[in-house]
Amino acid sequence: MKPVSLLPRVALIATLAAGPALATDETEGRSMMEHGLLLFLEGLQKQMEPALKDLGDLAEEFGPALDSFANEMGPALADLLEQVEDWSAYEAPEVLPNGDIIIRRKPVEETPDEAEDGATDI
């Protein structure tokens, strides 16, 4: 499990928050394209404001639980990642009815040379 990066979210929020500040500057010396872009960003920020507030509330609600999970499971997951050399050699995880999770190895495919006589040419 990869840690969730907050950088893209922070960049989006900073861009949306900067829109109104840029739009309040004087429009003299700006092209119509720049002025239109600033108006667009301001409108986008106004429409996104409720969703961003909800996202912030959600982060406050689940943040401590995610931090706790990362602190408790992080070392175990790091150890698992060090032990497994090739993840493509395994099937997708499977949850059994009793709640156990198993990850099976994919069947080993025989090459045509090995299948004929059982020996491998070196």
C-alpha atoms as a PDB file:
ATOM      1  CA  MET A   1       0.000   0.000   0.000  1.00  0.00           C
ATOM      2  CA  LYS A   2       1.486   3.311  -1.034  1.00  0.00           C
ATOM      3  CA  PRO A   3       1.267   6.269   1.338  1.00  0.00           C
ATOM      4  CA  VAL A   4      -1.214   8.872   0.153  1.00  0.00           C
ATOM      5  CA  SER A   5       0.559  11.965  -1.100  1.00  0.00           C
ATOM      6  CA  LEU A   6      -1.042  15.248  -0.143  1.00  0.00           C
ATOM      7  CA  LEU A   7       1.103  17.288  -2.551  1.00  0.00           C
ATOM      8  CA  PRO A   8      -1.348  17.177  -5.518  1.00  0.00           C
ATOM      9  CA  ARG A   9      -4.231  18.158  -3.242  1.00  0.00           C
ATOM     10  CA  VAL A  10      -2.278  21.014  -1.675  1.00  0.00           C
ATOM     11  CA  ALA A  11      -1.254  22.278  -5.135  1.00  0.00           C
ATOM     12  CA  LEU A  12      -4.890  22.261  -6.283  1.00  0.00           C
ATOM     13  CA  ILE A  13      -6.070  24.096  -3.175  1.00  0.00           C
ATOM     14  CA  ALA A  14      -3.285  26.672  -3.502  1.00  0.00           C
ATOM     15  CA  THR A  15      -4.148  27.252  -7.155  1.00  0.00           C
ATOM     16  CA  LEU A  16      -7.825  27.675  -6.381  1.00  0.00           C
ATOM     17  CA  ALA A  17      -7.121  29.939  -3.421  1.00  0.00           C
ATOM     18  CA  ALA A  18      -4.787  32.136  -5.490  1.00  0.00           C
ATOM     19  CA  GLY A  19      -7.465  32.777  -8.134  1.00  0.00           C
ATOM     20  CA  PRO A  20      -9.401  35.493  -6.254  1.00  0.00           C
ATOM     21  CA  ALA A  21      -6.220  37.174  -5.070  1.00  0.00           C
ATOM     22  CA  LEU A  22      -4.975  37.436  -8.629  1.00  0.00           C
ATOM     23  CA  ALA A  23      -8.370  38.564  -9.910  1.00  0.00           C
ATOM     24  CA  THR A  24      -8.461  41.554  -7.561  1.00  0.00           C
ATOM     25  CA  ASP A  25      -5.314  43.032  -9.146  1.00  0.00           C
ATOM     26  CA  GLU A  26      -5.688  45.781 -11.682  1.00  0.00           C
ATOM     27  CA  THR A  27      -6.528  44.458 -15.128  1.00  0.00           C
ATOM     28  CA  GLU A  28      -4.512  47.146 -16.904  1.00  0.00           C
ATOM     29  CA  GLY A  29      -1.641  45.787 -18.929  1.00  0.00           C
ATOM     30  CA  ARG A  30      -3.149  42.281 -19.081  1.00  0.00           C
ATOM     31  CA  SER A  31      -4.379  40.620 -22.216  1.00  0.00           C
ATOM     32  CA  MET A  32      -7.994  39.573 -22.482  1.00  0.00           C
ATOM     33  CA  MET A  33      -6.833  35.966 -22.238  1.00  0.00           C
ATOM     34  CA  GLU A  34      -5.150  36.583 -18.864  1.00  0.00           C
ATOM     35  CA  HIS A  35      -8.181  38.455 -17.568  1.00  0.00           C
ATOM     36  CA  GLY A  36     -10.479  35.638 -18.746  1.00  0.00           C
ATOM     37  CA  LEU A  37      -8.284  33.039 -17.063  1.00  0.00           C
ATOM     38  CA  LEU A  38      -8.401  34.936 -13.777  1.00  0.00           C
ATOM     39  CA  LEU A  39     -12.191  35.167 -13.967  1.00  0.00           C
ATOM     40  CA  PHE A  40     -12.367  31.461 -14.756  1.00  0.00           C
ATOM     41  CA  LEU A  41     -10.201  30.585 -11.738  1.00  0.00           C
ATOM     42  CA  GLU A  42     -12.319  32.789  -9.494  1.00  0.00           C
ATOM     43  CA  GLY A  43     -15.511  31.067 -10.652  1.00  0.00           C
ATOM     44  CA  LEU A  44     -13.938  27.659 -10.273  1.00  0.00           C
ATOM     45  CA  GLN A  45     -12.831  28.497  -6.747  1.00  0.00           C
ATOM     46  CA  LYS A  46     -16.340  29.609  -5.787  1.00  0.00           C
ATOM     47  CA  GLN A  47     -17.851  26.396  -7.142  1.00  0.00           C
ATOM     48  CA  MET A  48     -15.211  24.184  -5.513  1.00  0.00           C
ATOM     49  CA  GLU A  49     -15.355  25.879  -2.105  1.00  0.00           C
ATOM     50  CA  PRO A  50     -18.049  23.581  -0.594  1.00  0.00           C
ATOM     51  CA  ALA A  51     -16.307  20.440  -1.889  1.00  0.00           C
ATOM     52  CA  LEU A  52     -12.943  21.614  -0.536  1.00  0.00           C
ATOM     53  CA  LYS A  53     -14.521  22.334   2.840  1.00  0.00           C
ATOM     54  CA  ASP A  54     -16.028  18.826   2.876  1.00  0.00           C
ATOM     55  CA  LEU A  55     -12.644  17.377   1.905  1.00  0.00           C
ATOM     56  CA  GLY A  56     -11.009  19.243   4.783  1.00  0.00           C
ATOM     57  CA  ASP A  57     -13.654  17.955   7.200  1.00  0.00           C
ATOM     58  CA  LEU A  58     -13.147  14.414   5.899  1.00  0.00           C
ATOM     59  CA  ALA A  59      -9.374  14.721   6.329  1.00  0.00           C
ATOM     60  CA  GLU A  60      -9.858  15.899   9.921  1.00  0.00           C
ATOM     61  CA  GLU A  61     -12.196  12.980  10.613  1.00  0.00           C
ATOM     62  CA  PHE A  62     -10.119  10.172   9.076  1.00  0.00           C
ATOM     63  CA  GLY A  63      -6.637  11.680   9.443  1.00  0.00           C
ATOM     64  CA  PRO A  64      -5.919  10.297  12.931  1.00  0.00           C
ATOM     65  CA  ALA A  65      -7.116   6.815  11.938  1.00  0.00           C
ATOM     66  CA  LEU A  66      -4.917   6.820   8.822  1.00  0.00           C
ATOM     67  CA  ASP A  67      -1.934   8.046  10.834  1.00  0.00           C
ATOM     68  CA  SER A  68      -2.492   5.288  13.379  1.00  0.00           C
ATOM     69  CA  PHE A  69      -2.763   2.679  10.622  1.00  0.00           C
ATOM     70  CA  ALA A  70       0.436   3.921   8.964  1.00  0.00           C
ATOM     71  CA  ASN A  71       2.316   3.927  12.273  1.00  0.00           C
ATOM     72  CA  GLU A  72       1.178   0.428  13.237  1.00  0.00           C
ATOM     73  CA  MET A  73       1.232  -1.304   9.865  1.00  0.00           C
ATOM     74  CA  GLY A  74       4.031   0.629   8.166  1.00  0.00           C
ATOM     75  CA  PRO A  75       6.915  -1.425   9.563  1.00  0.00           C
ATOM     76  CA  ALA A  76       5.133  -4.722   8.805  1.00  0.00           C
ATOM     77  CA  LEU A  77       4.357  -3.645   5.243  1.00  0.00           C
ATOM     78  CA  ALA A  78       7.940  -2.466   4.717  1.00  0.00           C
ATOM     79  CA  ASP A  79       9.187  -5.856   5.915  1.00  0.00           C
ATOM     80  CA  LEU A  80       6.794  -7.627   3.535  1.00  0.00           C
ATOM     81  CA  LEU A  81       7.945  -5.479   0.606  1.00  0.00           C
ATOM     82  CA  GLU A  82      11.574  -6.403   1.356  1.00  0.00           C
ATOM     83  CA  GLN A  83      10.796 -10.135   1.472  1.00  0.00           C
ATOM     84  CA  VAL A  84       8.861 -10.336  -1.807  1.00  0.00           C
ATOM     85  CA  GLU A  85      11.135  -9.880  -4.799  1.00  0.00           C
ATOM     86  CA  ASP A  86       8.611 -10.047  -7.645  1.00  0.00           C
ATOM     87  CA  TRP A  87       4.964  -9.149  -7.015  1.00  0.00           C
ATOM     88  CA  SER A  88       4.024 -10.232 -10.543  1.00  0.00           C
ATOM     89  CA  ALA A  89       4.592 -13.845  -9.447  1.00  0.00           C
ATOM     90  CA  TYR A  90       1.489 -13.687  -7.207  1.00  0.00           C
ATOM     91  CA  GLU A  91      -2.255 -13.718  -7.811  1.00  0.00           C
ATOM     92  CA  ALA A  92      -4.533 -10.964  -6.524  1.00  0.00           C
ATOM     93  CA  PRO A  93      -5.324 -11.228  -2.794  1.00  0.00           C
ATOM     94  CA  GLU A  94      -8.350 -13.362  -1.945  1.00  0.00           C
ATOM     95  CA  VAL A  95     -10.545 -12.930   1.135  1.00  0.00           C
ATOM     96  CA  LEU A  96     -11.846 -16.204   2.526  1.00  0.00           C
ATOM     97  CA  PRO A  97     -15.289 -16.493   4.195  1.00  0.00           C
ATOM     98  CA  ASN A  98     -13.638 -16.578   7.628  1.00  0.00           C
ATOM     99  CA  GLY A  99     -11.896 -13.252   6.939  1.00  0.00           C
ATOM    100  CA  ASP A 100      -8.430 -14.620   6.215  1.00  0.00           C
ATOM    101  CA  ILE A 101      -6.591 -13.039   3.305  1.00  0.00           C
ATOM    102  CA  ILE A 102      -4.429 -15.243   1.137  1.00  0.00           C
ATOM    103  CA  ILE A 103      -2.118 -14.371  -1.715  1.00  0.00           C
ATOM    104  CA  ARG A 104      -1.320 -17.350  -3.929  1.00  0.00           C
ATOM    105  CA  ARG A 105       1.650 -17.787  -6.216  1.00  0.00           C
ATOM    106  CA  LYS A 106       0.851 -17.919  -9.906  1.00  0.00           C
ATOM    107  CA  PRO A 107       1.431 -21.336 -11.475  1.00  0.00           C
ATOM    108  CA  VAL A 108       4.904 -21.706 -12.961  1.00  0.00           C
ATOM    109  CA  GLU A 109       4.757 -21.930 -16.737  1.00  0.00           C
ATOM    110  CA  GLU A 110       7.011 -24.478 -18.379  1.00  0.00           C
ATOM    111  CA  THR A 111       9.003 -23.488 -21.431  1.00  0.00           C
ATOM    112  CA  PRO A 112       8.748 -25.824 -24.450  1.00  0.00           C
ATOM    113  CA  ASP A 113      12.333 -27.105 -23.905  1.00  0.00           C
ATOM    114  CA  GLU A 114      11.607 -28.076 -20.310  1.00  0.00           C
ATOM    115  CA  ALA A 115       8.322 -29.753 -21.195  1.00  0.00           C
ATOM    116  CA  GLU A 116       9.904 -32.118 -23.773  1.00  0.00           C
ATOM    117  CA  ASP A 117      12.596 -33.897 -21.816  1.00  0.00           C
ATOM    118  CA  GLY A 118      12.566 -32.331 -18.367  1.00  0.00           C
ATOM    119  CA  ALA A 119      16.101 -30.945 -18.777  1.00  0.00           C
ATOM    120  CA  THR A 120      17.129 -27.389 -19.398  1.00  0.00           C
ATOM    121  CA  ASP A 121      19.862 -26.533 -21.890  1.00  0.00           C
ATOM    122  CA  ILE A 122      22.510 -24.223 -20.532  1.00  0.00           C
END
